[in-house]
Amino acid sequence: MSIDDQQGTDYAIVAIPIAGFVQPSLFIDMMTSCATQTLFLPGAGGSASFWKPVADLAGLDGVFFGWPGLGDEPANPQVNGLDDLVDMVLDHVREPVNIVAQSMGGLIAIRLALARPMMVKRLVLVVTSGGVPVADLGGSDWRADYFAAYPGAASWIAHPTEDLSDRIPSIDAAALLIWGDNDPISPIAVGERLSALFPNAQLCVIPGADHDLAQTHAEIVANMIERHLSAAM
């Protein structure tokens, strides 16, 4: 069942065919085929290379951010919390942009859309918390596993975040929400809540996909993103 076939439903189930400062971890590809620049934001893993495989499959260039002090990324004394990451990305929002964001990066994307409402054209939010109370919606606690995988990561990543539920309805940017139905960290209920809060959103669910669906289902995710962003051209 394709995205375009959905009418009067909350989300589409996607059938899977069988077959200011620039961190060292930030690299930029110059845009050639799209007038609107795309910003790629990773999750708490922090790697600037996270979105490159999907972007390559989708034929997209843009700005790929890494998060200092998170995952295996080296720390920066100027980055001591999410506010600093938001400011880091805001330095690159000087003209209209599209934003593609994974997990924690989706929270940053939403804060950017709230801070610069006229500058964010389209959003792609993938298995994100998005500033809603994930635990209340059945999400599991990821922190112990995260710090076991990244013992050197900054402790501030585990701090509570602001509930943006009351502010999200003011975001006009068209949002594509991509979820898996087997994600314990950000279950479908989170995507459904965000879909209800955004004035212009579409939730697409990939059967069997987990929190790492941007890696395990890269081609499907790339196709969804390409279609969503090309609709803005």
Protein backbone atom coordinates (compact mmCIF):
# COMPACT_ATOMS: atom_id res chain seq x y z
CA MET A 1 0.00 0.00 0.00
CA SER A 2 1.63 3.23 -1.09
CA ILE A 3 1.70 6.55 0.70
CA ASP A 4 -0.46 8.10 -2.00
CA ASP A 5 -3.11 5.40 -1.59
CA GLN A 6 -3.87 6.44 1.97
CA GLN A 7 -7.07 8.42 2.42
CA GLY A 8 -8.73 9.11 5.73
CA THR A 9 -6.10 7.17 7.69
CA ASP A 10 -3.64 8.31 10.32
CA TYR A 11 -0.64 6.67 8.75
CA ALA A 12 0.54 4.49 5.93
CA ILE A 13 1.86 0.98 6.38
CA VAL A 14 4.70 0.67 3.91
CA ALA A 15 4.95 -2.67 2.15
CA ILE A 16 8.55 -3.82 1.91
CA PRO A 17 9.39 -5.33 -1.48
CA ILE A 18 11.23 -8.61 -1.29
CA ALA A 19 14.38 -8.60 -3.10
CA GLY A 20 28.59 29.27 15.35
CA PHE A 21 31.43 26.94 15.28
CA VAL A 22 32.02 24.14 12.94
CA GLN A 23 33.03 20.86 14.53
CA PRO A 24 35.63 18.55 12.95
CA SER A 25 32.85 15.97 12.69
CA LEU A 26 30.80 18.21 10.41
CA PHE A 27 31.25 17.94 6.68
CA ILE A 28 29.41 19.74 3.90
CA ASP A 29 28.47 18.70 0.38
CA MET A 30 27.52 21.57 -1.90
CA MET A 31 23.95 21.40 -3.14
CA THR A 32 23.66 20.85 -6.87
CA SER A 33 20.22 19.46 -7.64
CA CYS A 34 17.98 21.10 -5.06
CA ALA A 35 17.52 24.80 -4.38
CA THR A 36 16.73 24.18 -0.70
CA GLN A 37 19.60 23.00 1.44
CA THR A 38 19.05 19.88 3.56
CA LEU A 39 20.40 19.55 7.09
CA PHE A 40 21.00 15.99 8.34
CA LEU A 41 20.88 15.52 12.11
CA PRO A 42 21.90 12.22 13.76
CA GLY A 43 20.60 10.82 17.02
CA ALA A 44 22.50 10.45 20.28
CA GLY A 45 25.11 8.31 18.51
CA GLY A 46 26.37 11.67 17.29
CA SER A 47 28.12 10.60 14.09
CA ALA A 48 28.11 12.98 11.12
CA SER A 49 28.27 9.98 8.81
CA PHE A 50 25.01 8.46 10.10
CA TRP A 51 22.80 9.84 7.30
CA LYS A 52 25.30 9.52 4.43
CA PRO A 53 24.15 6.07 3.16
CA VAL A 54 20.50 7.19 3.04
CA ALA A 55 21.41 10.55 1.51
CA ASP A 56 23.48 8.84 -1.19
CA LEU A 57 20.60 6.49 -2.02
CA ALA A 58 18.21 9.44 -2.19
CA GLY A 59 20.59 11.50 -4.33
CA LEU A 60 20.74 14.24 -1.71
CA ASP A 61 23.62 16.46 -0.62
CA GLY A 62 23.58 18.83 2.30
CA VAL A 63 25.10 19.56 5.68
CA PHE A 64 25.77 16.51 7.89
CA PHE A 65 26.10 17.36 11.58
CA GLY A 66 27.97 15.48 14.29
CA TRP A 67 27.30 16.02 17.99
CA PRO A 68 30.42 16.80 20.05
CA GLY A 69 30.65 14.69 23.19
CA LEU A 70 28.01 12.15 22.15
CA GLY A 71 28.60 8.61 20.95
CA ASP A 72 32.28 8.36 20.05
CA GLU A 73 32.54 12.00 18.95
CA PRO A 74 35.21 14.11 20.70
CA ALA A 75 33.90 16.62 23.20
CA ASN A 76 33.98 20.38 22.70
CA PRO A 77 34.05 22.68 25.75
CA GLN A 78 31.52 24.94 24.04
CA VAL A 79 28.93 22.15 23.91
CA ASN A 80 27.37 21.34 27.26
CA GLY A 81 23.80 20.45 26.43
CA LEU A 82 21.04 20.34 23.85
CA ASP A 83 20.76 24.13 23.79
CA ASP A 84 24.31 24.32 22.45
CA LEU A 85 23.52 21.77 19.72
CA VAL A 86 20.49 23.82 18.70
CA ASP A 87 22.64 26.95 18.51
CA MET A 88 25.26 25.07 16.49
CA VAL A 89 22.72 24.13 13.84
CA LEU A 90 21.03 27.54 13.91
CA ASP A 91 24.30 29.02 12.66
CA HIS A 92 23.58 27.22 9.37
CA VAL A 93 19.93 28.27 9.07
CA ARG A 94 20.45 31.49 7.14
CA GLU A 95 18.14 30.57 4.27
CA PRO A 96 15.20 28.17 3.96
CA VAL A 97 16.17 24.58 4.73
CA ASN A 98 14.78 21.07 4.91
CA ILE A 99 15.74 18.97 7.93
CA VAL A 100 16.16 15.20 8.12
CA ALA A 101 16.58 14.00 11.71
CA GLN A 102 17.01 10.74 13.61
CA SER A 103 15.84 10.05 17.18
CA MET A 104 17.27 12.76 19.49
CA GLY A 105 18.08 14.82 16.41
CA GLY A 106 14.34 15.14 15.85
CA LEU A 107 14.01 17.06 19.08
CA ILE A 108 16.63 19.49 17.82
CA ALA A 109 14.82 19.72 14.47
CA ILE A 110 11.56 20.63 16.16
CA ARG A 111 13.27 23.26 18.27
CA LEU A 112 14.79 24.72 15.09
CA ALA A 113 11.37 24.85 13.45
CA LEU A 114 10.01 26.66 16.50
CA ALA A 115 12.94 29.09 16.59
CA ARG A 116 12.95 29.84 12.82
CA PRO A 117 9.43 29.06 11.60
CA MET A 118 9.87 30.86 8.28
CA MET A 119 13.16 29.12 7.51
CA VAL A 120 12.24 25.44 7.90
CA LYS A 121 10.31 24.24 4.85
CA ARG A 122 10.05 20.48 5.36
CA LEU A 123 10.85 18.06 8.15
CA VAL A 124 11.65 14.36 8.13
CA LEU A 125 11.53 12.95 11.65
CA VAL A 126 12.63 9.34 12.10
CA VAL A 127 11.83 7.39 15.30
CA THR A 128 12.21 10.54 17.38
CA SER A 129 11.01 11.57 20.81
CA GLY A 130 10.16 14.91 19.22
CA GLY A 131 9.63 16.64 22.54
CA VAL A 132 6.66 14.56 23.70
CA PRO A 133 6.64 12.37 26.86
CA VAL A 134 7.90 9.11 25.37
CA ALA A 135 7.81 7.15 28.63
CA ASP A 136 4.10 7.94 29.01
CA LEU A 137 3.57 6.47 25.53
CA GLY A 138 5.31 3.18 26.26
CA GLY A 139 8.90 4.00 25.34
CA SER A 140 11.61 2.03 27.13
CA ASP A 141 14.48 3.61 29.05
CA TRP A 142 17.47 3.68 26.68
CA ARG A 143 20.01 5.29 28.97
CA ALA A 144 21.70 2.22 30.52
CA ASP A 145 22.26 0.60 27.13
CA TYR A 146 23.47 3.87 25.66
CA PHE A 147 26.14 4.49 28.29
CA ALA A 148 27.21 0.85 28.13
CA ALA A 149 27.81 1.34 24.39
CA TYR A 150 29.32 4.83 24.79
CA PRO A 151 30.87 5.06 28.28
CA GLY A 152 32.61 8.31 27.43
CA ALA A 153 29.47 10.13 26.26
CA ALA A 154 28.46 13.36 27.96
CA SER A 155 26.12 12.79 30.90
CA TRP A 156 23.85 15.67 29.87
CA ILE A 157 22.33 13.57 27.08
CA ALA A 158 20.36 11.71 29.77
CA HIS A 159 18.90 14.86 31.34
CA PRO A 160 15.11 15.38 31.10
CA THR A 161 13.95 17.38 28.10
CA GLU A 162 11.20 19.95 27.73
CA ASP A 163 7.72 18.78 26.73
CA LEU A 164 6.97 20.65 23.50
CA SER A 165 3.49 19.21 22.99
CA ASP A 166 1.78 22.58 23.38
CA ARG A 167 4.11 24.30 20.90
CA ILE A 168 4.32 21.75 18.08
CA PRO A 169 0.88 22.69 16.63
CA SER A 170 2.36 26.09 15.69
CA ILE A 171 4.81 24.48 13.23
CA ASP A 172 3.62 24.92 9.63
CA ALA A 173 6.40 22.91 7.97
CA ALA A 174 5.22 19.73 6.27
CA ALA A 175 6.46 16.80 8.34
CA LEU A 176 7.12 13.22 7.27
CA LEU A 177 7.25 10.89 10.27
CA ILE A 178 8.95 7.53 9.68
CA TRP A 179 8.51 4.80 12.29
CA GLY A 180 9.00 1.09 12.78
CA ASP A 181 6.39 -1.09 14.45
CA ASN A 182 9.05 -2.97 16.45
CA ASP A 183 10.77 -0.02 18.16
CA PRO A 184 10.84 -0.23 21.98
CA ILE A 185 12.59 3.13 22.39
CA SER A 186 10.14 5.24 20.37
CA PRO A 187 7.03 3.11 19.74
CA ILE A 188 4.34 3.89 17.17
CA ALA A 189 2.31 5.67 19.85
CA VAL A 190 4.94 8.43 19.82
CA GLY A 191 4.65 8.85 16.07
CA GLU A 192 0.87 8.90 16.34
CA ARG A 193 1.03 11.61 19.00
CA LEU A 194 3.33 13.73 16.86
CA SER A 195 1.13 13.14 13.81
CA ALA A 196 -1.84 14.47 15.76
CA LEU A 197 0.09 17.51 16.98
CA PHE A 198 1.60 18.65 13.68
CA PRO A 199 -0.86 20.57 11.48
CA ASN A 200 0.63 19.03 8.32
CA ALA A 201 2.13 15.59 8.94
CA GLN A 202 2.12 12.09 7.51
CA LEU A 203 3.14 9.06 9.54
CA CYS A 204 4.58 6.09 7.66
CA VAL A 205 5.26 2.83 9.47
CA ILE A 206 7.71 0.20 8.23
CA PRO A 207 6.66 -3.28 9.36
CA GLY A 208 9.22 -5.12 11.46
CA ALA A 209 11.55 -2.12 11.71
CA ASP A 210 13.31 -1.14 14.94
CA HIS A 211 14.98 2.03 16.19
CA ASP A 212 17.82 1.53 13.71
CA LEU A 213 15.53 1.46 10.64
CA ALA A 214 17.50 4.20 8.85
CA GLN A 215 20.32 1.64 8.64
CA THR A 216 18.41 -1.63 8.27
CA HIS A 217 15.86 -0.23 5.79
CA ALA A 218 18.00 2.46 4.18
CA GLU A 219 16.61 2.13 0.65
CA ILE A 220 12.99 2.36 1.79
CA VAL A 221 13.76 5.33 4.03
CA ALA A 222 15.70 7.03 1.22
CA ASN A 223 12.75 6.65 -1.17
CA MET A 224 10.36 8.15 1.37
CA ILE A 225 12.66 11.09 2.05
CA GLU A 226 13.30 11.78 -1.63
CA ARG A 227 9.57 11.88 -2.38
CA HIS A 228 8.79 14.12 0.59
CA LEU A 229 11.55 16.63 -0.12
CA SER A 230 11.04 16.68 -3.88
CA ALA A 231 7.40 17.66 -3.28
CA ALA A 232 8.73 20.95 -1.95
CA MET A 233 10.52 21.80 -5.17
